[in-house]
Amino acid sequence: MTTQVVLIVLVVLLISSCSFLPAPLAYLNYARTGFDIKQIITDEPTLTDTVLSATTDMDCQIFNVLDSKDICIDRIQE
C-alpha cells in the first residue's frame, strides 16, 4: 500500500510542471523532458509510462489517448 502511494505521488510530480523545484532540480526536469522526447521519437515508453505501468501492472502509454485507445492495456503473457 505504501509503495503504491509513493508511486502515485511520483507520477503526479512527473506529470506536473514541477515549477516549485529549486534550480538544480529544475535542470533535472529538463533532462527528463529531453529523455522523454527521445523515447517518444523512438516509440519507447516515457518515464511516466514506465511508472504508470509499474503502478497498475499493465502496459501503459499516455499517447494512446491521441488514437482514442485506452491508456493502459493488459500485459501480454509470454
Protein backbone atom coordinates (compact mmCIF):
# COMPACT_ATOMS: atom_id res chain seq x y z
CA MET A 1 0.00 0.00 0.00
CA THR A 2 2.75 2.45 0.94
CA THR A 3 4.66 1.66 -2.24
CA GLN A 4 1.60 2.40 -4.35
CA VAL A 5 1.06 5.73 -2.59
CA VAL A 6 4.69 6.69 -3.21
CA LEU A 7 4.41 5.70 -6.87
CA ILE A 8 1.22 7.71 -7.29
CA VAL A 9 2.89 10.76 -5.75
CA LEU A 10 5.85 10.31 -8.12
CA VAL A 11 3.52 10.05 -11.12
CA VAL A 12 1.77 13.26 -10.09
CA LEU A 13 5.13 15.02 -9.75
CA LEU A 14 6.29 13.72 -13.13
CA ILE A 15 3.11 14.87 -14.82
CA SER A 16 3.02 18.27 -13.12
CA SER A 17 5.05 21.22 -14.33
CA CYS A 18 7.36 20.97 -11.28
CA SER A 19 7.62 24.76 -11.21
CA PHE A 20 8.14 24.71 -7.45
CA LEU A 21 11.50 22.96 -7.76
CA PRO A 22 14.76 24.80 -6.99
CA ALA A 23 17.14 25.47 -9.89
CA PRO A 24 19.31 22.30 -9.66
CA LEU A 25 16.24 20.08 -9.67
CA ALA A 26 14.69 22.11 -12.47
CA TYR A 27 17.69 21.16 -14.63
CA LEU A 28 16.99 17.51 -13.87
CA ASN A 29 13.43 18.12 -15.03
CA TYR A 30 14.78 19.50 -18.33
CA ALA A 31 16.94 16.38 -18.70
CA ARG A 32 13.91 14.18 -18.02
CA THR A 33 11.93 16.08 -20.64
CA GLY A 34 14.73 15.59 -23.17
CA PHE A 35 14.84 11.88 -22.36
CA ASP A 36 11.05 11.61 -22.75
CA ILE A 37 11.22 13.33 -26.15
CA LYS A 38 13.85 10.83 -27.29
CA GLN A 39 11.66 7.98 -26.02
CA ILE A 40 8.62 9.32 -27.89
CA ILE A 41 10.60 9.66 -31.14
CA THR A 42 11.87 6.07 -30.87
CA ASP A 43 8.40 4.80 -29.86
CA GLU A 44 9.61 3.64 -26.43
CA PRO A 45 7.80 4.22 -23.11
CA THR A 46 8.49 7.50 -21.33
CA LEU A 47 9.34 7.67 -17.64
CA THR A 48 5.71 8.49 -16.87
CA ASP A 49 4.59 5.47 -18.90
CA THR A 50 7.05 3.26 -17.01
CA VAL A 51 5.92 4.44 -13.58
CA LEU A 52 2.25 4.15 -14.53
CA SER A 53 2.84 0.64 -15.92
CA ALA A 54 4.61 -0.43 -12.73
CA THR A 55 1.82 1.00 -10.59
CA THR A 56 -1.05 -0.58 -12.49
CA ASP A 57 0.77 -3.80 -13.53
CA MET A 58 -0.40 -3.13 -17.09
CA ASP A 59 1.24 -1.79 -20.27
CA CYS A 60 0.55 1.95 -20.29
CA GLN A 61 1.30 4.60 -22.88
CA ILE A 62 -0.10 8.10 -22.38
CA PHE A 63 -0.11 8.86 -26.11
CA ASN A 64 -2.67 6.11 -26.73
CA VAL A 65 -5.22 8.81 -25.93
CA LEU A 66 -4.40 10.52 -29.24
CA ASP A 67 -5.51 7.37 -31.09
CA SER A 68 -8.70 7.08 -28.99
CA LYS A 69 -7.33 3.97 -27.28
CA ASP A 70 -7.16 3.06 -23.61
CA ILE A 71 -4.06 4.40 -21.86
CA CYS A 72 -3.37 1.04 -20.19
CA ILE A 73 -3.89 -2.44 -21.63
CA ASP A 74 -3.33 -5.87 -20.11
CA ARG A 75 0.21 -7.18 -20.43
CA ILE A 76 0.78 -9.93 -22.95
CA GLN A 77 1.86 -13.08 -21.12
CA GLU A 78 4.93 -14.67 -22.71
